[in-house]
Amino acid sequence: MVTRSNIYTLIDIERQRQDEKWGSQRDHEPLFWYAILAEEFGEVANAILEQKSPVEVLSEILQVAAVAVCWAEQGFPDEPGGPVWMTNPANAAEGKGQRG
């Protein structure tokens, strides 16, 4: 059975692979991150359209998740201490403090 914990472990392994391949990526602008994430998401769509195996599709999904994590790791330099919702994790679950 696949659990959330298993998925998080796989995402972490993919993040480590990305760091080994690309090095530290902490200085991209948000629009560049968006482009990277969109490209990875497109690879998921291609894998589905090409009827790749479930394992190959999952691999692409994990790459999307890992890129999103890397983007989040970069932080939000325009907000001291990070985004408002990070000061109280309960706010994230309730949608409080988010900009929209």
C-alpha atoms as a PDB file:
ATOM      1  CA  MET A   1       0.000   0.000   0.000  1.00  0.00           C
ATOM      2  CA  VAL A   2       1.269   3.440  -0.914  1.00  0.00           C
ATOM      3  CA  THR A   3       1.228   5.808   2.026  1.00  0.00           C
ATOM      4  CA  ARG A   4       1.771   9.532   2.308  1.00  0.00           C
ATOM      5  CA  SER A   5       4.991   8.787   4.157  1.00  0.00           C
ATOM      6  CA  ASN A   6       6.220   6.650   1.243  1.00  0.00           C
ATOM      7  CA  ILE A   7       5.409   9.414  -1.219  1.00  0.00           C
ATOM      8  CA  TYR A   8       7.212  12.041   0.879  1.00  0.00           C
ATOM      9  CA  THR A   9      10.254   9.762   1.020  1.00  0.00           C
ATOM     10  CA  LEU A  10      10.206   9.379  -2.766  1.00  0.00           C
ATOM     11  CA  ILE A  11       9.879  13.150  -3.203  1.00  0.00           C
ATOM     12  CA  ASP A  12      12.870  13.646  -0.903  1.00  0.00           C
ATOM     13  CA  ILE A  13      14.910  11.139  -2.908  1.00  0.00           C
ATOM     14  CA  GLU A  14      13.987  13.010  -6.105  1.00  0.00           C
ATOM     15  CA  ARG A  15      14.959  16.340  -4.489  1.00  0.00           C
ATOM     16  CA  GLN A  16      18.356  14.883  -3.628  1.00  0.00           C
ATOM     17  CA  ARG A  17      18.756  13.673  -7.215  1.00  0.00           C
ATOM     18  CA  GLN A  18      17.875  17.133  -8.512  1.00  0.00           C
ATOM     19  CA  ASP A  19      20.420  18.771  -6.208  1.00  0.00           C
ATOM     20  CA  GLU A  20      23.090  16.342  -7.400  1.00  0.00           C
ATOM     21  CA  LYS A  21      22.203  17.046 -11.036  1.00  0.00           C
ATOM     22  CA  TRP A  22      21.617  20.815 -10.914  1.00  0.00           C
ATOM     23  CA  GLY A  23      23.263  21.980  -7.700  1.00  0.00           C
ATOM     24  CA  SER A  24      21.656  24.459  -5.367  1.00  0.00           C
ATOM     25  CA  GLN A  25      18.839  26.361  -7.056  1.00  0.00           C
ATOM     26  CA  ARG A  26      18.036  29.215  -4.759  1.00  0.00           C
ATOM     27  CA  ASP A  27      18.176  32.267  -6.983  1.00  0.00           C
ATOM     28  CA  HIS A  28      15.485  31.786  -9.617  1.00  0.00           C
ATOM     29  CA  GLU A  29      12.786  34.372 -10.125  1.00  0.00           C
ATOM     30  CA  PRO A  30       9.183  33.178  -9.606  1.00  0.00           C
ATOM     31  CA  LEU A  31       8.429  33.270 -13.349  1.00  0.00           C
ATOM     32  CA  PHE A  32      11.398  30.979 -14.036  1.00  0.00           C
ATOM     33  CA  TRP A  33      10.193  28.550 -11.344  1.00  0.00           C
ATOM     34  CA  TYR A  34       6.771  28.607 -12.955  1.00  0.00           C
ATOM     35  CA  ALA A  35       8.327  27.669 -16.302  1.00  0.00           C
ATOM     36  CA  ILE A  36      10.294  24.793 -14.761  1.00  0.00           C
ATOM     37  CA  LEU A  37       7.201  23.494 -12.994  1.00  0.00           C
ATOM     38  CA  ALA A  38       5.081  23.811 -16.149  1.00  0.00           C
ATOM     39  CA  GLU A  39       7.674  21.885 -18.164  1.00  0.00           C
ATOM     40  CA  GLU A  40       7.707  19.086 -15.602  1.00  0.00           C
ATOM     41  CA  PHE A  41       3.907  18.983 -15.532  1.00  0.00           C
ATOM     42  CA  GLY A  42       3.956  18.706 -19.321  1.00  0.00           C
ATOM     43  CA  GLU A  43       6.120  15.613 -18.963  1.00  0.00           C
ATOM     44  CA  VAL A  44       3.396  14.038 -16.817  1.00  0.00           C
ATOM     45  CA  ALA A  45       0.856  14.761 -19.555  1.00  0.00           C
ATOM     46  CA  ASN A  46       3.150  13.308 -22.203  1.00  0.00           C
ATOM     47  CA  ALA A  47       3.726  10.158 -20.157  1.00  0.00           C
ATOM     48  CA  ILE A  48      -0.037   9.691 -19.842  1.00  0.00           C
ATOM     49  CA  LEU A  49      -0.706  10.385 -23.532  1.00  0.00           C
ATOM     50  CA  GLU A  50       2.091   8.009 -24.537  1.00  0.00           C
ATOM     51  CA  GLN A  51       0.538   5.358 -22.271  1.00  0.00           C
ATOM     52  CA  LYS A  52       3.703   4.931 -20.239  1.00  0.00           C
ATOM     53  CA  SER A  53       3.643   2.499 -17.348  1.00  0.00           C
ATOM     54  CA  PRO A  54       2.170   3.609 -14.020  1.00  0.00           C
ATOM     55  CA  VAL A  55       5.685   3.589 -12.560  1.00  0.00           C
ATOM     56  CA  GLU A  56       6.910   5.969 -15.280  1.00  0.00           C
ATOM     57  CA  VAL A  57       3.942   8.285 -14.749  1.00  0.00           C
ATOM     58  CA  LEU A  58       4.563   8.236 -10.994  1.00  0.00           C
ATOM     59  CA  SER A  59       8.209   9.113 -11.617  1.00  0.00           C
ATOM     60  CA  GLU A  60       7.119  12.192 -13.575  1.00  0.00           C
ATOM     61  CA  ILE A  61       4.619  13.162 -10.869  1.00  0.00           C
ATOM     62  CA  LEU A  62       7.367  12.898  -8.241  1.00  0.00           C
ATOM     63  CA  GLN A  63       9.537  15.216 -10.328  1.00  0.00           C
ATOM     64  CA  VAL A  64       6.718  17.783 -10.375  1.00  0.00           C
ATOM     65  CA  ALA A  65       6.353  17.528  -6.606  1.00  0.00           C
ATOM     66  CA  ALA A  66      10.101  17.794  -6.056  1.00  0.00           C
ATOM     67  CA  VAL A  67      10.351  20.925  -8.225  1.00  0.00           C
ATOM     68  CA  ALA A  68       7.500  22.480  -6.248  1.00  0.00           C
ATOM     69  CA  VAL A  69       9.318  21.628  -3.009  1.00  0.00           C
ATOM     70  CA  CYS A  70      12.542  23.139  -4.339  1.00  0.00           C
ATOM     71  CA  TRP A  71      10.675  26.316  -5.264  1.00  0.00           C
ATOM     72  CA  ALA A  72       9.172  26.455  -1.774  1.00  0.00           C
ATOM     73  CA  GLU A  73      12.620  25.858  -0.237  1.00  0.00           C
ATOM     74  CA  GLN A  74      13.840  28.986  -1.988  1.00  0.00           C
ATOM     75  CA  GLY A  75      11.592  30.947   0.308  1.00  0.00           C
ATOM     76  CA  PHE A  76      10.042  34.299  -0.178  1.00  0.00           C
ATOM     77  CA  PRO A  77      12.783  36.918   0.099  1.00  0.00           C
ATOM     78  CA  ASP A  78      10.357  39.836  -0.018  1.00  0.00           C
ATOM     79  CA  GLU A  79       8.762  38.690   3.241  1.00  0.00           C
ATOM     80  CA  PRO A  80      11.027  38.578   6.299  1.00  0.00           C
ATOM     81  CA  GLY A  81      10.536  35.242   8.009  1.00  0.00           C
ATOM     82  CA  GLY A  82       8.678  33.742   5.075  1.00  0.00           C
ATOM     83  CA  PRO A  83       5.063  33.983   4.016  1.00  0.00           C
ATOM     84  CA  VAL A  84       2.471  34.987   6.574  1.00  0.00           C
ATOM     85  CA  TRP A  85       0.889  31.545   6.745  1.00  0.00           C
ATOM     86  CA  MET A  86       4.252  29.973   7.685  1.00  0.00           C
ATOM     87  CA  THR A  87       4.311  31.787  11.019  1.00  0.00           C
ATOM     88  CA  ASN A  88       1.427  29.570  12.142  1.00  0.00           C
ATOM     89  CA  PRO A  89       1.080  26.282  10.198  1.00  0.00           C
ATOM     90  CA  ALA A  90      -2.540  25.993  11.328  1.00  0.00           C
ATOM     91  CA  ASN A  91      -3.267  29.024   9.152  1.00  0.00           C
ATOM     92  CA  ALA A  92      -2.188  27.112   6.048  1.00  0.00           C
ATOM     93  CA  ALA A  93      -4.784  24.401   6.632  1.00  0.00           C
ATOM     94  CA  GLU A  94      -7.478  27.026   7.118  1.00  0.00           C
ATOM     95  CA  GLY A  95      -6.376  29.169   4.173  1.00  0.00           C
ATOM     96  CA  LYS A  96      -5.670  32.161   6.414  1.00  0.00           C
ATOM     97  CA  GLY A  97      -2.958  34.641   5.652  1.00  0.00           C
ATOM     98  CA  GLN A  98      -2.627  33.645   2.025  1.00  0.00           C
ATOM     99  CA  ARG A  99      -2.515  36.249  -0.653  1.00  0.00           C
ATOM    100  CA  GLY A 100      -4.948  35.855  -3.452  1.00  0.00           C
END
